[in-house]
N, C-alpha and C. Protein backbone atom coordinates (compact mmCIF):
# COMPACT_ATOMS: atom_id res chain seq x y z
N MET A 1 137.69 18.14 52.54
CA MET A 1 137.75 19.59 52.58
C MET A 1 137.59 20.06 54.02
N SER A 2 138.45 20.95 54.41
CA SER A 2 138.33 21.50 55.76
C SER A 2 137.66 22.86 55.71
N VAL A 3 136.94 23.17 56.74
CA VAL A 3 136.24 24.44 56.82
C VAL A 3 136.86 25.24 57.96
N SER A 4 137.30 26.42 57.64
CA SER A 4 137.92 27.24 58.68
C SER A 4 136.85 27.92 59.53
N SER A 5 137.26 28.39 60.67
CA SER A 5 136.30 29.09 61.55
C SER A 5 135.80 30.37 60.91
N GLU A 6 136.60 30.98 60.01
CA GLU A 6 136.15 32.18 59.33
C GLU A 6 134.94 31.89 58.45
N HIS A 7 134.96 30.71 57.78
CA HIS A 7 133.83 30.34 56.93
C HIS A 7 132.59 30.06 57.77
N LEU A 8 132.79 29.43 58.92
CA LEU A 8 131.65 29.11 59.77
C LEU A 8 130.99 30.36 60.33
N HIS A 9 131.75 31.40 60.55
CA HIS A 9 131.21 32.62 61.14
C HIS A 9 130.93 33.69 60.09
N GLY A 10 130.90 33.31 58.83
CA GLY A 10 130.54 34.27 57.79
C GLY A 10 131.63 35.25 57.45
N GLN A 11 132.89 34.91 57.75
CA GLN A 11 133.98 35.83 57.47
C GLN A 11 134.95 35.20 56.47
N GLY A 12 134.44 34.37 55.59
CA GLY A 12 135.29 33.66 54.64
C GLY A 12 135.83 34.56 53.56
N ASP A 13 136.02 33.98 52.39
CA ASP A 13 136.68 34.66 51.29
C ASP A 13 136.02 35.99 50.90
N ASN A 14 134.71 36.06 50.98
CA ASN A 14 134.02 37.27 50.53
C ASN A 14 133.84 38.31 51.62
N ALA A 15 134.11 37.99 52.86
CA ALA A 15 133.91 38.93 53.96
C ALA A 15 135.20 39.70 54.22
N ALA A 16 135.04 40.88 54.70
CA ALA A 16 136.21 41.68 55.05
C ALA A 16 136.91 41.04 56.24
N ALA A 17 138.20 41.13 56.25
CA ALA A 17 138.98 40.58 57.36
C ALA A 17 138.64 41.34 58.63
N PRO A 18 138.62 40.64 59.77
CA PRO A 18 138.31 41.34 61.01
C PRO A 18 139.36 42.41 61.30
N ARG A 19 138.89 43.52 61.83
CA ARG A 19 139.80 44.61 62.17
C ARG A 19 140.63 44.23 63.37
N ARG A 20 141.89 44.48 63.28
CA ARG A 20 142.77 44.26 64.42
C ARG A 20 142.95 45.58 65.12
N ARG A 21 142.93 45.53 66.40
CA ARG A 21 143.15 46.75 67.17
C ARG A 21 144.63 47.06 67.17
N GLY A 22 144.97 48.23 66.71
CA GLY A 22 146.37 48.61 66.59
C GLY A 22 146.93 49.18 67.89
N SER A 23 148.08 49.74 67.76
CA SER A 23 148.73 50.33 68.93
C SER A 23 148.10 51.69 69.23
N PHE A 24 148.39 52.18 70.39
CA PHE A 24 147.88 53.48 70.80
C PHE A 24 148.53 54.60 70.00
N THR A 25 147.74 55.58 69.65
CA THR A 25 148.31 56.82 69.12
C THR A 25 148.67 57.68 70.32
N PRO A 26 149.54 58.67 70.15
CA PRO A 26 149.87 59.55 71.28
C PRO A 26 148.65 60.22 71.90
N ARG A 27 147.69 60.59 71.07
CA ARG A 27 146.47 61.22 71.60
C ARG A 27 145.65 60.23 72.43
N GLN A 28 145.62 58.98 71.99
CA GLN A 28 144.90 57.97 72.75
C GLN A 28 145.60 57.68 74.08
N VAL A 29 146.92 57.73 74.08
CA VAL A 29 147.66 57.57 75.34
C VAL A 29 147.27 58.69 76.29
N ALA A 30 147.25 59.92 75.80
CA ALA A 30 146.88 61.06 76.64
C ALA A 30 145.45 60.92 77.15
N ALA A 31 144.54 60.52 76.28
CA ALA A 31 143.14 60.34 76.68
C ALA A 31 143.02 59.24 77.73
N THR A 32 143.75 58.16 77.55
CA THR A 32 143.72 57.05 78.50
C THR A 32 144.25 57.49 79.86
N VAL A 33 145.40 58.14 79.85
CA VAL A 33 146.02 58.57 81.11
C VAL A 33 145.15 59.58 81.84
N LEU A 34 144.60 60.54 81.12
CA LEU A 34 143.75 61.54 81.77
C LEU A 34 142.44 60.94 82.26
N THR A 35 141.84 60.07 81.47
CA THR A 35 140.60 59.42 81.92
C THR A 35 140.87 58.59 83.17
N ALA A 36 141.97 57.84 83.15
CA ALA A 36 142.34 57.01 84.31
C ALA A 36 142.65 57.87 85.53
N SER A 37 143.33 58.97 85.33
CA SER A 37 143.68 59.86 86.45
C SER A 37 142.43 60.45 87.10
N VAL A 38 141.50 60.92 86.27
CA VAL A 38 140.26 61.48 86.81
C VAL A 38 139.45 60.38 87.48
N ALA A 39 139.42 59.20 86.88
CA ALA A 39 138.69 58.06 87.48
C ALA A 39 139.26 57.73 88.85
N LEU A 40 140.58 57.65 88.95
CA LEU A 40 141.21 57.36 90.24
C LEU A 40 140.92 58.45 91.25
N TYR A 41 141.06 59.69 90.83
CA TYR A 41 140.84 60.83 91.74
C TYR A 41 139.41 60.82 92.29
N ILE A 42 138.43 60.72 91.40
CA ILE A 42 137.05 60.80 91.87
C ILE A 42 136.65 59.56 92.64
N ALA A 43 137.25 58.40 92.32
CA ALA A 43 137.00 57.18 93.10
C ALA A 43 137.52 57.36 94.52
N LEU A 44 138.69 57.97 94.65
CA LEU A 44 139.25 58.23 95.99
C LEU A 44 138.42 59.27 96.75
N VAL A 45 137.92 60.27 96.05
CA VAL A 45 137.04 61.26 96.68
C VAL A 45 135.78 60.58 97.20
N ALA A 46 135.15 59.77 96.36
CA ALA A 46 133.92 59.07 96.77
C ALA A 46 134.21 58.12 97.93
N PHE A 47 135.31 57.38 97.83
CA PHE A 47 135.69 56.45 98.90
C PHE A 47 135.91 57.21 100.21
N GLY A 48 136.59 58.34 100.14
CA GLY A 48 136.80 59.15 101.34
C GLY A 48 135.49 59.67 101.93
N ASN A 49 134.59 60.08 101.06
CA ASN A 49 133.30 60.57 101.56
C ASN A 49 132.46 59.46 102.18
N ILE A 50 132.65 58.24 101.70
CA ILE A 50 131.91 57.10 102.27
C ILE A 50 132.53 56.66 103.58
N THR A 51 133.86 56.55 103.62
CA THR A 51 134.52 56.02 104.81
C THR A 51 134.73 57.07 105.90
N ASP A 52 134.75 58.34 105.52
CA ASP A 52 134.85 59.44 106.48
C ASP A 52 133.66 60.37 106.26
N PHE A 53 132.49 59.79 106.41
CA PHE A 53 131.23 60.45 106.05
C PHE A 53 131.06 61.81 106.73
N GLY A 54 131.44 61.90 108.00
CA GLY A 54 131.15 63.10 108.79
C GLY A 54 131.90 64.35 108.38
N THR A 55 133.11 64.22 107.86
CA THR A 55 133.90 65.40 107.55
C THR A 55 133.23 66.27 106.50
N ASN A 56 132.98 65.72 105.34
CA ASN A 56 132.35 66.52 104.29
C ASN A 56 130.85 66.70 104.49
N GLN A 57 130.28 65.87 105.36
CA GLN A 57 128.87 66.08 105.73
C GLN A 57 128.75 67.45 106.40
N GLN A 58 129.70 67.78 107.26
CA GLN A 58 129.69 69.09 107.91
C GLN A 58 129.86 70.21 106.89
N PHE A 59 130.72 69.98 105.92
CA PHE A 59 130.92 70.96 104.85
C PHE A 59 129.60 71.25 104.14
N VAL A 60 128.92 70.19 103.71
CA VAL A 60 127.66 70.37 102.98
C VAL A 60 126.61 71.04 103.87
N ARG A 61 126.55 70.64 105.12
CA ARG A 61 125.57 71.25 106.04
C ARG A 61 125.81 72.75 106.19
N HIS A 62 127.06 73.15 106.38
CA HIS A 62 127.37 74.58 106.55
C HIS A 62 127.13 75.37 105.28
N VAL A 63 127.49 74.80 104.13
CA VAL A 63 127.26 75.52 102.87
C VAL A 63 125.77 75.73 102.65
N LEU A 64 124.98 74.67 102.83
CA LEU A 64 123.54 74.80 102.59
C LEU A 64 122.85 75.67 103.64
N ALA A 65 123.33 75.64 104.87
CA ALA A 65 122.75 76.48 105.93
C ALA A 65 123.17 77.94 105.80
N MET A 66 124.24 78.18 105.05
CA MET A 66 124.77 79.53 104.84
C MET A 66 125.12 80.22 106.16
N ASP A 67 125.51 79.44 107.17
CA ASP A 67 125.74 79.99 108.49
C ASP A 67 127.12 80.61 108.68
N THR A 68 127.98 80.50 107.67
CA THR A 68 129.29 81.16 107.76
C THR A 68 129.47 82.18 106.65
N THR A 69 128.36 82.63 106.07
CA THR A 69 128.40 83.68 105.06
C THR A 69 128.21 85.02 105.76
N PHE A 70 128.07 86.07 104.98
CA PHE A 70 127.87 87.40 105.55
C PHE A 70 126.49 87.56 106.19
N ARG A 71 125.64 86.55 106.03
CA ARG A 71 124.30 86.50 106.60
C ARG A 71 123.43 87.68 106.17
N ASP A 72 123.57 88.05 104.92
CA ASP A 72 122.76 89.12 104.34
C ASP A 72 121.32 88.65 104.28
N GLU A 73 120.41 89.43 104.86
CA GLU A 73 119.00 89.00 104.90
C GLU A 73 118.39 88.88 103.52
N ASP A 74 118.95 89.54 102.52
CA ASP A 74 118.45 89.39 101.15
C ASP A 74 118.81 88.04 100.54
N LEU A 75 119.79 87.33 101.15
CA LEU A 75 120.22 86.03 100.65
C LEU A 75 119.82 84.87 101.55
N MET A 76 119.62 85.12 102.81
CA MET A 76 119.45 84.04 103.77
C MET A 76 118.17 83.22 103.56
N TRP A 77 117.23 83.73 102.82
CA TRP A 77 116.02 82.95 102.53
C TRP A 77 116.36 81.70 101.70
N ARG A 78 117.54 81.71 101.07
CA ARG A 78 117.97 80.56 100.26
C ARG A 78 118.47 79.39 101.10
N ALA A 79 118.81 79.66 102.34
CA ALA A 79 119.44 78.65 103.20
C ALA A 79 118.53 77.43 103.39
N ILE A 80 119.16 76.26 103.41
CA ILE A 80 118.47 75.01 103.74
C ILE A 80 119.00 74.57 105.09
N THR A 81 118.13 74.63 106.09
CA THR A 81 118.57 74.32 107.45
C THR A 81 118.10 72.95 107.93
N SER A 82 117.27 72.29 107.16
CA SER A 82 116.81 70.96 107.52
C SER A 82 117.95 69.96 107.38
N ARG A 83 118.28 69.27 108.48
CA ARG A 83 119.34 68.26 108.45
C ARG A 83 119.01 67.15 107.45
N PHE A 84 117.73 66.81 107.34
CA PHE A 84 117.32 65.78 106.41
C PHE A 84 117.71 66.16 104.97
N TRP A 85 117.36 67.37 104.55
CA TRP A 85 117.65 67.79 103.18
C TRP A 85 119.14 68.03 102.96
N GLN A 86 119.82 68.50 103.99
CA GLN A 86 121.28 68.66 103.89
C GLN A 86 121.95 67.31 103.67
N ASP A 87 121.55 66.33 104.48
CA ASP A 87 122.14 64.99 104.37
C ASP A 87 121.73 64.30 103.07
N ALA A 88 120.50 64.55 102.63
CA ALA A 88 120.05 63.98 101.34
C ALA A 88 120.90 64.54 100.20
N ALA A 89 121.20 65.82 100.26
CA ALA A 89 122.05 66.42 99.23
C ALA A 89 123.45 65.81 99.27
N TYR A 90 123.98 65.59 100.46
CA TYR A 90 125.32 65.00 100.60
C TYR A 90 125.35 63.57 100.06
N VAL A 91 124.34 62.79 100.38
CA VAL A 91 124.28 61.41 99.86
C VAL A 91 124.16 61.43 98.34
N ALA A 92 123.37 62.35 97.81
CA ALA A 92 123.24 62.46 96.35
C ALA A 92 124.59 62.80 95.71
N ILE A 93 125.35 63.66 96.33
CA ILE A 93 126.68 64.00 95.82
C ILE A 93 127.57 62.76 95.80
N ILE A 94 127.55 61.99 96.88
CA ILE A 94 128.39 60.78 96.96
C ILE A 94 127.96 59.77 95.90
N VAL A 95 126.67 59.59 95.73
CA VAL A 95 126.18 58.65 94.72
C VAL A 95 126.62 59.10 93.33
N TRP A 96 126.52 60.39 93.05
CA TRP A 96 126.92 60.93 91.75
C TRP A 96 128.42 60.76 91.53
N GLU A 97 129.22 61.04 92.56
CA GLU A 97 130.67 60.85 92.46
C GLU A 97 131.01 59.38 92.20
N THR A 98 130.35 58.49 92.90
CA THR A 98 130.60 57.05 92.74
C THR A 98 130.21 56.59 91.34
N ALA A 99 129.05 57.04 90.88
CA ALA A 99 128.62 56.68 89.52
C ALA A 99 129.59 57.22 88.48
N SER A 100 130.05 58.45 88.67
CA SER A 100 131.02 59.05 87.75
C SER A 100 132.31 58.23 87.73
N ALA A 101 132.78 57.84 88.90
CA ALA A 101 134.00 57.04 88.99
C ALA A 101 133.84 55.72 88.25
N LEU A 102 132.71 55.06 88.44
CA LEU A 102 132.48 53.77 87.77
C LEU A 102 132.43 53.93 86.26
N VAL A 103 131.78 54.98 85.79
CA VAL A 103 131.71 55.23 84.34
C VAL A 103 133.12 55.50 83.79
N LEU A 104 133.91 56.28 84.53
CA LEU A 104 135.27 56.59 84.06
C LEU A 104 136.19 55.38 84.13
N ILE A 105 135.99 54.52 85.09
CA ILE A 105 136.76 53.27 85.14
C ILE A 105 136.41 52.42 83.92
N ALA A 106 135.13 52.37 83.57
CA ALA A 106 134.72 51.64 82.35
C ALA A 106 135.35 52.29 81.11
N GLY A 107 135.37 53.61 81.07
CA GLY A 107 136.00 54.31 79.95
C GLY A 107 137.48 53.99 79.86
N THR A 108 138.15 53.98 81.00
CA THR A 108 139.58 53.64 81.01
C THR A 108 139.79 52.22 80.50
N TRP A 109 138.95 51.29 80.94
CA TRP A 109 139.04 49.91 80.49
C TRP A 109 138.89 49.82 78.96
N LEU A 110 137.95 50.58 78.43
CA LEU A 110 137.75 50.57 76.98
C LEU A 110 138.95 51.17 76.23
N TRP A 111 139.55 52.21 76.79
CA TRP A 111 140.76 52.76 76.18
C TRP A 111 141.86 51.71 76.17
N LEU A 112 142.03 51.02 77.30
CA LEU A 112 143.07 50.00 77.40
C LEU A 112 142.81 48.83 76.46
N ARG A 113 141.56 48.55 76.19
CA ARG A 113 141.19 47.47 75.24
C ARG A 113 141.28 47.94 73.80
N ARG A 114 141.65 49.17 73.62
CA ARG A 114 141.80 49.77 72.29
C ARG A 114 140.49 49.77 71.51
N ASP A 115 139.48 50.24 72.20
CA ASP A 115 138.16 50.40 71.59
C ASP A 115 137.82 51.89 71.66
N PRO A 116 138.50 52.70 70.82
CA PRO A 116 138.42 54.16 70.99
C PRO A 116 137.03 54.76 70.81
N GLY A 117 136.22 54.20 69.93
CA GLY A 117 134.88 54.76 69.73
C GLY A 117 134.04 54.66 71.00
N ARG A 118 133.98 53.47 71.54
CA ARG A 118 133.22 53.27 72.79
C ARG A 118 133.90 53.96 73.96
N ALA A 119 135.23 53.94 74.00
CA ALA A 119 135.95 54.60 75.09
C ALA A 119 135.66 56.10 75.11
N ARG A 120 135.64 56.69 73.93
CA ARG A 120 135.36 58.12 73.82
C ARG A 120 133.95 58.42 74.31
N ALA A 121 132.99 57.60 73.92
CA ALA A 121 131.60 57.83 74.32
C ALA A 121 131.43 57.68 75.82
N VAL A 122 131.97 56.60 76.39
CA VAL A 122 131.81 56.36 77.82
C VAL A 122 132.57 57.40 78.64
N SER A 123 133.79 57.73 78.22
CA SER A 123 134.58 58.74 78.93
C SER A 123 133.87 60.09 78.89
N THR A 124 133.26 60.41 77.77
CA THR A 124 132.54 61.67 77.65
C THR A 124 131.39 61.74 78.65
N VAL A 125 130.68 60.64 78.82
CA VAL A 125 129.58 60.62 79.80
C VAL A 125 130.13 60.86 81.21
N GLY A 126 131.16 60.11 81.59
CA GLY A 126 131.72 60.24 82.94
C GLY A 126 132.28 61.62 83.21
N LEU A 127 133.03 62.15 82.26
CA LEU A 127 133.61 63.49 82.44
C LEU A 127 132.53 64.56 82.45
N SER A 128 131.51 64.39 81.63
CA SER A 128 130.39 65.35 81.65
C SER A 128 129.64 65.32 82.98
N MET A 129 129.55 64.14 83.57
CA MET A 129 128.92 64.03 84.90
C MET A 129 129.69 64.87 85.91
N LEU A 130 131.01 64.84 85.83
CA LEU A 130 131.82 65.63 86.76
C LEU A 130 131.74 67.11 86.47
N LEU A 131 131.71 67.46 85.18
CA LEU A 131 131.54 68.87 84.83
C LEU A 131 130.22 69.41 85.37
N LEU A 132 129.19 68.60 85.29
CA LEU A 132 127.89 68.99 85.81
C LEU A 132 127.93 69.13 87.34
N LEU A 133 128.50 68.14 88.02
CA LEU A 133 128.56 68.19 89.49
C LEU A 133 129.37 69.37 89.99
N PHE A 134 130.57 69.53 89.45
CA PHE A 134 131.45 70.57 90.00
C PHE A 134 131.24 71.93 89.36
N GLY A 135 130.77 71.98 88.12
CA GLY A 135 130.47 73.27 87.50
C GLY A 135 129.12 73.81 87.94
N ALA A 136 128.07 73.04 87.67
CA ALA A 136 126.73 73.48 88.05
C ALA A 136 126.50 73.34 89.55
N GLY A 137 126.89 72.18 90.10
CA GLY A 137 126.61 71.91 91.51
C GLY A 137 127.42 72.75 92.49
N PHE A 138 128.74 72.65 92.40
CA PHE A 138 129.58 73.34 93.39
C PHE A 138 129.81 74.81 93.05
N LEU A 139 130.22 75.10 91.80
CA LEU A 139 130.52 76.50 91.47
C LEU A 139 129.26 77.36 91.41
N ALA A 140 128.27 76.91 90.63
CA ALA A 140 127.08 77.74 90.44
C ALA A 140 126.15 77.69 91.64
N ILE A 141 125.70 76.49 92.01
CA ILE A 141 124.71 76.40 93.09
C ILE A 141 125.36 76.66 94.46
N GLY A 142 126.43 75.92 94.75
CA GLY A 142 127.09 76.13 96.04
C GLY A 142 127.75 77.50 96.14
N GLY A 143 128.53 77.85 95.12
CA GLY A 143 129.30 79.09 95.16
C GLY A 143 128.46 80.34 95.08
N GLU A 144 127.49 80.34 94.20
CA GLU A 144 126.69 81.55 94.00
C GLU A 144 125.34 81.51 94.74
N TRP A 145 124.56 80.47 94.50
CA TRP A 145 123.23 80.44 95.12
C TRP A 145 123.32 80.40 96.64
N PHE A 146 124.21 79.56 97.17
CA PHE A 146 124.38 79.47 98.63
C PHE A 146 125.54 80.31 99.14
N ALA A 147 126.08 81.18 98.29
CA ALA A 147 127.11 82.16 98.66
C ALA A 147 128.32 81.53 99.37
N MET A 148 128.73 80.36 98.91
CA MET A 148 129.89 79.68 99.51
C MET A 148 131.13 80.55 99.41
N TRP A 149 131.23 81.40 98.41
CA TRP A 149 132.39 82.26 98.24
C TRP A 149 132.58 83.20 99.42
N GLN A 150 131.52 83.45 100.20
CA GLN A 150 131.60 84.35 101.34
C GLN A 150 132.20 83.67 102.58
N SER A 151 132.26 82.38 102.60
CA SER A 151 132.73 81.66 103.77
C SER A 151 134.24 81.48 103.74
N GLU A 152 134.88 81.85 104.83
CA GLU A 152 136.33 81.63 104.94
C GLU A 152 136.63 80.18 105.28
N LYS A 153 135.75 79.53 106.04
CA LYS A 153 136.01 78.16 106.50
C LYS A 153 135.43 77.09 105.58
N TRP A 154 134.24 77.29 105.06
CA TRP A 154 133.54 76.26 104.28
C TRP A 154 133.42 76.68 102.82
N ASN A 155 134.57 76.88 102.19
CA ASN A 155 134.61 77.34 100.81
C ASN A 155 135.33 76.29 99.96
N GLY A 156 134.59 75.60 99.13
CA GLY A 156 135.17 74.56 98.29
C GLY A 156 135.35 74.97 96.84
N LEU A 157 135.38 76.25 96.58
CA LEU A 157 135.46 76.72 95.20
C LEU A 157 136.78 76.36 94.53
N GLN A 158 137.90 76.43 95.26
CA GLN A 158 139.18 76.08 94.66
C GLN A 158 139.24 74.59 94.29
N SER A 159 138.76 73.75 95.19
CA SER A 159 138.74 72.31 94.90
C SER A 159 137.83 72.01 93.72
N ALA A 160 136.66 72.64 93.70
CA ALA A 160 135.72 72.40 92.60
C ALA A 160 136.31 72.88 91.27
N THR A 161 136.99 74.01 91.30
CA THR A 161 137.61 74.54 90.09
C THR A 161 138.70 73.60 89.59
N ARG A 162 139.49 73.07 90.51
CA ARG A 162 140.56 72.13 90.15
C ARG A 162 139.98 70.90 89.45
N ILE A 163 138.92 70.32 90.02
CA ILE A 163 138.31 69.13 89.42
C ILE A 163 137.64 69.48 88.09
N LEU A 164 137.00 70.63 88.03
CA LEU A 164 136.36 71.07 86.80
C LEU A 164 137.39 71.22 85.68
N LEU A 165 138.52 71.84 85.98
CA LEU A 165 139.56 72.05 84.97
C LEU A 165 140.19 70.73 84.54
N LEU A 166 140.48 69.84 85.48
CA LEU A 166 141.05 68.54 85.14
C LEU A 166 140.08 67.73 84.28
N SER A 167 138.80 67.74 84.64
CA SER A 167 137.79 67.02 83.87
C SER A 167 137.64 67.62 82.47
N GLY A 168 137.66 68.94 82.39
CA GLY A 168 137.56 69.60 81.09
C GLY A 168 138.76 69.31 80.21
N LEU A 169 139.95 69.31 80.79
CA LEU A 169 141.16 68.98 80.04
C LEU A 169 141.09 67.53 79.54
N ALA A 170 140.66 66.64 80.40
CA ALA A 170 140.51 65.23 80.00
C ALA A 170 139.50 65.10 78.87
N LEU A 171 138.40 65.83 78.95
CA LEU A 171 137.38 65.76 77.90
C LEU A 171 137.94 66.27 76.56
N LEU A 172 138.74 67.32 76.61
CA LEU A 172 139.37 67.81 75.38
C LEU A 172 140.32 66.75 74.80
N ALA A 173 141.09 66.11 75.67
CA ALA A 173 142.01 65.06 75.20
C ALA A 173 141.24 63.90 74.60
N VAL A 174 140.15 63.53 75.24
CA VAL A 174 139.31 62.43 74.73
C VAL A 174 138.81 62.75 73.32
N HIS A 175 138.37 63.98 73.12
CA HIS A 175 137.81 64.34 71.82
C HIS A 175 138.89 64.69 70.79
N ALA A 176 140.10 64.89 71.24
CA ALA A 176 141.21 65.12 70.31
C ALA A 176 141.64 63.82 69.63
N THR A 177 141.10 62.69 70.10
CA THR A 177 141.46 61.41 69.49
C THR A 177 140.73 61.18 68.18
N GLY A 178 139.86 62.09 67.80
CA GLY A 178 139.14 61.93 66.53
C GLY A 178 137.71 61.56 66.79
N GLY A 179 137.13 60.89 65.82
CA GLY A 179 135.78 60.38 66.01
C GLY A 179 134.70 61.40 65.78
N ARG A 180 134.66 61.96 64.57
CA ARG A 180 133.55 62.86 64.24
C ARG A 180 132.26 62.08 64.30
N GLU A 181 131.16 62.76 64.56
CA GLU A 181 129.85 62.13 64.62
C GLU A 181 129.61 61.31 63.36
N GLY A 182 129.27 60.05 63.55
CA GLY A 182 128.92 59.20 62.42
C GLY A 182 130.12 58.60 61.70
N ALA A 183 131.33 59.06 62.00
CA ALA A 183 132.51 58.52 61.34
C ALA A 183 133.21 57.56 62.28
N ARG A 184 133.86 56.59 61.71
CA ARG A 184 134.60 55.62 62.50
C ARG A 184 136.06 56.01 62.51
N SER A 185 136.67 56.07 63.68
CA SER A 185 138.09 56.37 63.74
C SER A 185 138.72 55.67 64.91
N ASP A 186 140.00 55.51 64.84
CA ASP A 186 140.77 54.92 65.93
C ASP A 186 141.68 55.96 66.42
């Protein structure tokens, strides 16, 4: 009598057959492409900030110092003029961008492996990280608290909005693939 590997691993006659990963649905293709696109974009942003550290370092310093705003004395108390804290904020942004890119690369890998449940969860974390960075960080804190909208030269609101919208669109596509809480879906 021969024993198959299914019997040895407890998947014999009485066990359910292992699930085979099927082909991509159109929604999964969209989720994969958008997750991969955002992953590539933010990886390039992080890489640029690491390899050309000084360019955006100046951006962060000017935004936090509020030195190109209308210099309203009712707002200027918010300014951070310490180079240490300005640079610490910039390094934190780069670390967050890098972590987001790595999470989204993992999400893309899971989509490509046709593991939609895990891909959806991981992609959601990475995209939410970007929504937090560019929505709360750049639009709310940078744009409003540090009055970045007042600066003609050091205004990153359009770029932040672009990334926020792309990340939000990707998140919608990811969740359009199904997967209600507690339910299994492909």
